[in-house]
């Protein structure tokens, strides 16, 4: 496992900063170069986490209890984007209902004008503020199973660990060294870091994007579950 501090220290060694690198990511006595390393590692991690909204490592499940006579659900605090095909009413009961997604403009015209029915929801939409709205309006407090992708979590403390899977943490350093090379006019660091970054990014995307694992197998295992993503 590579903590925020360890990533910074590894990068410092890679670019030739004397000593062992930053003593702490929150220290007020770091050199200018060490502060740059701390900043670039955080920026690189956030940049990578934000590259795709549907990274597998950002995927999460939750159960949200509806309120009677209220059509909307309270969104999770870490919500980034909803997975629209996995919103299920009363999932653990025999009367579960898979809710059908309708785009907001159509939903707003068809279900939100005039008198609105109450009962067991059948359809839902996502408002422009990213809040789920259901129709009919629930007539009971019932658990709604939701699946979503979280927002990126920023590194902050020495012991913070990136949401990116540990075996791919070198990509954070590679991206951070590219920032360093751009700002310090170091083409030799940029060349090596760019090659490493592109290789690791392809591996990370193959492993952590839906339907992409076949990209890194010598022989595709499941062609029916294989999606080509444009660059």
Protein backbone atom coordinates (compact mmCIF):
# COMPACT_ATOMS: atom_id res chain seq x y z
CA UNK A 1 0.00 0.00 0.00
CA UNK A 2 1.31 3.44 -0.93
CA UNK A 3 0.21 6.29 1.29
CA UNK A 4 0.18 9.92 0.19
CA UNK A 5 3.49 10.50 1.98
CA UNK A 6 5.10 7.41 0.47
CA UNK A 7 4.05 8.46 -3.04
CA UNK A 8 5.61 11.87 -2.45
CA UNK A 9 8.84 10.37 -1.15
CA UNK A 10 9.05 7.92 -4.07
CA UNK A 11 8.56 10.75 -6.56
CA UNK A 12 11.16 12.91 -4.83
CA UNK A 13 13.73 10.13 -5.21
CA UNK A 14 12.75 9.60 -8.87
CA UNK A 15 13.36 13.24 -9.82
CA UNK A 16 16.58 13.50 -7.80
CA UNK A 17 15.62 15.66 -4.82
CA UNK A 18 18.36 15.21 -2.15
CA UNK A 19 17.46 13.33 1.02
CA UNK A 20 14.43 11.18 1.70
CA UNK A 21 11.85 13.62 0.35
CA UNK A 22 9.01 15.35 2.24
CA UNK A 23 8.87 14.50 5.95
CA UNK A 24 5.13 15.14 6.01
CA UNK A 25 2.60 16.38 3.44
CA UNK A 26 1.41 18.99 5.95
CA UNK A 27 4.83 20.20 7.11
CA UNK A 28 5.47 23.95 6.97
CA UNK A 29 9.24 23.50 6.64
CA UNK A 30 9.43 21.72 3.29
CA UNK A 31 11.63 23.04 0.51
CA UNK A 32 10.03 24.59 -2.56
CA UNK A 33 10.67 21.40 -4.56
CA UNK A 34 9.20 19.20 -1.83
CA UNK A 35 6.08 21.36 -1.69
CA UNK A 36 5.78 21.00 -5.46
CA UNK A 37 5.98 17.22 -5.15
CA UNK A 38 3.20 17.19 -2.53
CA UNK A 39 1.04 19.40 -4.75
CA UNK A 40 1.69 17.41 -7.93
CA UNK A 41 0.90 14.04 -6.32
CA UNK A 42 -2.45 15.33 -5.07
CA UNK A 43 -3.22 16.90 -8.44
CA UNK A 44 -2.26 13.74 -10.34
CA UNK A 45 -4.41 11.50 -8.14
CA UNK A 46 -7.43 13.77 -8.48
CA UNK A 47 -6.89 14.09 -12.23
CA UNK A 48 -6.83 10.32 -12.67
CA UNK A 49 -9.85 9.69 -10.45
CA UNK A 50 -11.78 12.32 -12.44
CA UNK A 51 -10.78 10.95 -15.85
CA UNK A 52 -13.83 8.65 -16.05
CA UNK A 53 -17.09 8.99 -14.12
CA UNK A 54 -17.63 5.20 -14.11
CA UNK A 55 -14.36 3.81 -12.78
CA UNK A 56 -15.04 0.53 -10.98
CA UNK A 57 -13.13 1.81 -7.95
CA UNK A 58 -15.68 4.63 -7.60
CA UNK A 59 -18.66 2.21 -7.76
CA UNK A 60 -20.82 1.94 -4.65
CA UNK A 61 -24.16 0.56 -3.41
CA UNK A 62 -26.50 2.11 -0.88
CA UNK A 63 -30.00 1.80 0.53
CA UNK A 64 -32.02 5.02 0.83
CA UNK A 65 -35.36 5.09 2.63
CA UNK A 66 -38.07 7.00 0.84
CA UNK A 67 -40.51 9.26 2.67
CA UNK A 68 -44.28 8.98 2.24
CA UNK A 69 -45.70 11.75 0.05
CA UNK A 70 -42.20 12.80 -1.09
CA UNK A 71 -41.14 11.99 -4.65
CA UNK A 72 -37.42 12.62 -4.23
CA UNK A 73 -34.66 10.65 -2.53
CA UNK A 74 -31.94 12.09 -0.31
CA UNK A 75 -28.72 11.74 -2.29
CA UNK A 76 -25.61 10.15 -0.72
CA UNK A 77 -23.06 12.73 0.42
CA UNK A 78 -20.39 11.25 -1.87
CA UNK A 79 -22.61 10.96 -4.96
CA UNK A 80 -20.95 11.58 -8.29
CA UNK A 81 -23.24 9.92 -10.84
CA UNK A 82 -26.13 7.47 -10.57
CA UNK A 83 -26.08 4.06 -12.27
CA UNK A 84 -29.42 4.44 -13.99
CA UNK A 85 -30.21 0.76 -14.57
CA UNK A 86 -29.94 -0.28 -10.91
CA UNK A 87 -32.55 1.65 -8.92
CA UNK A 88 -34.79 -0.90 -7.17
CA UNK A 89 -37.78 -0.35 -4.88
CA UNK A 90 -38.02 -2.78 -1.92
CA UNK A 91 -35.23 -4.95 -3.31
CA UNK A 92 -35.22 -7.49 -0.49
CA UNK A 93 -38.96 -8.25 -0.66
CA UNK A 94 -41.05 -10.37 -3.02
CA UNK A 95 -42.75 -7.17 -4.17
CA UNK A 96 -39.57 -5.51 -5.40
CA UNK A 97 -39.90 -3.11 -8.32
CA UNK A 98 -37.13 -2.27 -10.79
CA UNK A 99 -37.67 1.38 -11.62
CA UNK A 100 -37.46 2.45 -15.26
CA UNK A 101 -35.40 5.52 -16.08
CA UNK A 102 -36.98 8.33 -18.12
CA UNK A 103 -34.97 11.35 -19.26
CA UNK A 104 -35.83 14.45 -17.23
CA UNK A 105 -37.50 16.63 -19.90
CA UNK A 106 -39.85 13.82 -20.92
CA UNK A 107 -40.46 12.77 -17.31
CA UNK A 108 -41.21 16.34 -16.25
CA UNK A 109 -43.85 16.72 -18.98
CA UNK A 110 -45.46 13.30 -18.56
CA UNK A 111 -45.44 12.84 -14.79
CA UNK A 112 -45.02 16.16 -12.99
CA UNK A 113 -47.90 18.23 -14.36
CA UNK A 114 -51.33 18.42 -12.75
CA UNK A 115 -52.50 15.92 -10.13
CA UNK A 116 -49.76 13.39 -9.29
CA UNK A 117 -50.61 9.81 -8.30
CA UNK A 118 -49.26 8.15 -5.16
CA UNK A 119 -48.39 4.50 -4.69
CA UNK A 120 -45.49 2.20 -5.52
CA UNK A 121 -43.08 3.99 -7.89
CA UNK A 122 -42.61 2.54 -11.37
CA UNK A 123 -40.43 5.12 -13.11
CA UNK A 124 -37.87 7.69 -12.08
CA UNK A 125 -35.72 10.45 -13.45
CA UNK A 126 -32.75 12.48 -12.33
CA UNK A 127 -33.33 16.18 -11.86
CA UNK A 128 -30.79 18.69 -13.17
CA UNK A 129 -29.50 18.95 -9.57
CA UNK A 130 -28.67 15.18 -9.67
CA UNK A 131 -31.53 14.23 -7.32
CA UNK A 132 -33.70 11.18 -8.05
CA UNK A 133 -37.43 11.82 -8.48
CA UNK A 134 -39.93 8.90 -8.57
CA UNK A 135 -43.43 8.40 -9.98
CA UNK A 136 -45.94 7.64 -8.59
CA UNK A 137 -44.99 9.53 -5.45
CA UNK A 138 -44.25 6.94 -2.73
CA UNK A 139 -47.05 6.36 -0.25
CA UNK A 140 -44.78 4.69 2.32
CA UNK A 141 -41.30 4.79 3.81
CA UNK A 142 -39.54 2.02 1.88
CA UNK A 143 -35.91 1.09 1.23
CA UNK A 144 -34.71 1.94 -2.27
CA UNK A 145 -31.58 0.15 -3.43
CA UNK A 146 -29.31 2.41 -5.49
CA UNK A 147 -26.00 2.02 -7.25
CA UNK A 148 -23.77 4.95 -8.08
CA UNK A 149 -20.25 6.21 -8.62
CA UNK A 150 -18.73 8.42 -5.96
CA UNK A 151 -16.89 11.68 -6.40
CA UNK A 152 -13.09 11.53 -6.19
CA UNK A 153 -11.64 11.72 -2.69
CA UNK A 154 -8.64 14.02 -2.37
CA UNK A 155 -5.47 12.97 -0.61
CA UNK A 156 -4.98 15.07 2.50
CA UNK A 157 -2.95 13.43 5.30
CA UNK A 158 0.31 11.46 5.37
CA UNK A 159 -1.62 8.19 5.76
CA UNK A 160 -4.23 8.93 3.08
CA UNK A 161 -4.50 6.21 0.42
CA UNK A 162 -5.80 6.83 -3.09
CA UNK A 163 -9.02 5.15 -4.22
CA UNK A 164 -7.08 3.92 -7.25
CA UNK A 165 -6.19 0.22 -6.72
CA UNK A 166 -2.84 -0.15 -4.99
CA UNK A 167 -1.21 -2.15 -7.80
CA UNK A 168 -1.65 0.85 -10.10
CA UNK A 169 -0.37 3.55 -7.73
CA UNK A 170 2.77 4.06 -9.85
CA UNK A 171 0.56 5.84 -12.40
CA UNK A 172 0.01 8.64 -9.86
CA UNK A 173 3.76 9.22 -9.66
CA UNK A 174 4.14 9.02 -13.44
CA UNK A 175 1.44 11.67 -13.94
CA UNK A 176 2.88 13.87 -11.18
CA UNK A 177 6.34 13.71 -12.78
CA UNK A 178 4.78 14.96 -16.02
CA UNK A 179 3.51 18.04 -14.17
CA UNK A 180 6.97 18.51 -12.69
CA UNK A 181 8.65 18.15 -16.08
CA UNK A 182 6.29 20.70 -17.65
CA UNK A 183 7.01 23.29 -14.97
CA UNK A 184 10.74 22.64 -14.66
CA UNK A 185 11.44 22.26 -18.39
CA UNK A 186 12.84 18.76 -17.93
CA UNK A 187 12.32 16.91 -21.25
CA UNK A 188 14.23 13.83 -20.12
CA UNK A 189 11.82 13.34 -17.20
CA UNK A 190 8.82 14.07 -19.43
CA UNK A 191 9.81 11.47 -22.03
CA UNK A 192 10.21 8.59 -19.57
CA UNK A 193 7.19 9.57 -17.48
CA UNK A 194 4.91 9.91 -20.51
CA UNK A 195 5.78 6.43 -21.78
CA UNK A 196 5.22 4.92 -18.35
CA UNK A 197 1.97 6.85 -17.87
CA UNK A 198 0.46 5.74 -21.17
CA UNK A 199 1.27 2.08 -20.49
CA UNK A 200 -0.12 2.20 -16.94
CA UNK A 201 -3.22 4.13 -18.03
CA UNK A 202 -4.09 1.46 -20.58
CA UNK A 203 -3.75 -1.21 -17.87
CA UNK A 204 -5.77 0.79 -15.34
CA UNK A 205 -8.57 1.46 -17.84
CA UNK A 206 -8.68 -2.18 -18.91
CA UNK A 207 -8.95 -3.31 -15.30
CA UNK A 208 -11.23 -0.62 -13.86
CA UNK A 209 -13.63 0.40 -16.65
CA UNK A 210 -16.78 -1.66 -17.34
CA UNK A 211 -16.39 -4.26 -20.10
CA UNK A 212 -12.74 -3.46 -20.76
CA UNK A 213 -10.77 -6.37 -19.28
CA UNK A 214 -10.49 -8.17 -22.63
CA UNK A 215 -8.21 -5.35 -23.82
CA UNK A 216 -5.36 -6.79 -21.77
CA UNK A 217 -5.95 -10.49 -22.36
CA UNK A 218 -4.06 -12.15 -25.21
CA UNK A 219 -7.33 -13.88 -26.07
CA UNK A 220 -10.72 -12.28 -25.38
CA UNK A 221 -12.62 -14.33 -22.82
CA UNK A 222 -16.13 -12.95 -23.32
CA UNK A 223 -16.84 -11.05 -26.55
CA UNK A 224 -20.47 -10.45 -25.54
CA UNK A 225 -19.17 -8.40 -22.62
CA UNK A 226 -16.62 -6.35 -24.53
CA UNK A 227 -17.01 -2.67 -25.37
CA UNK A 228 -14.49 -0.67 -27.38
CA UNK A 229 -14.00 2.82 -25.92
CA UNK A 230 -12.80 5.57 -28.25
CA UNK A 231 -9.70 7.45 -27.17
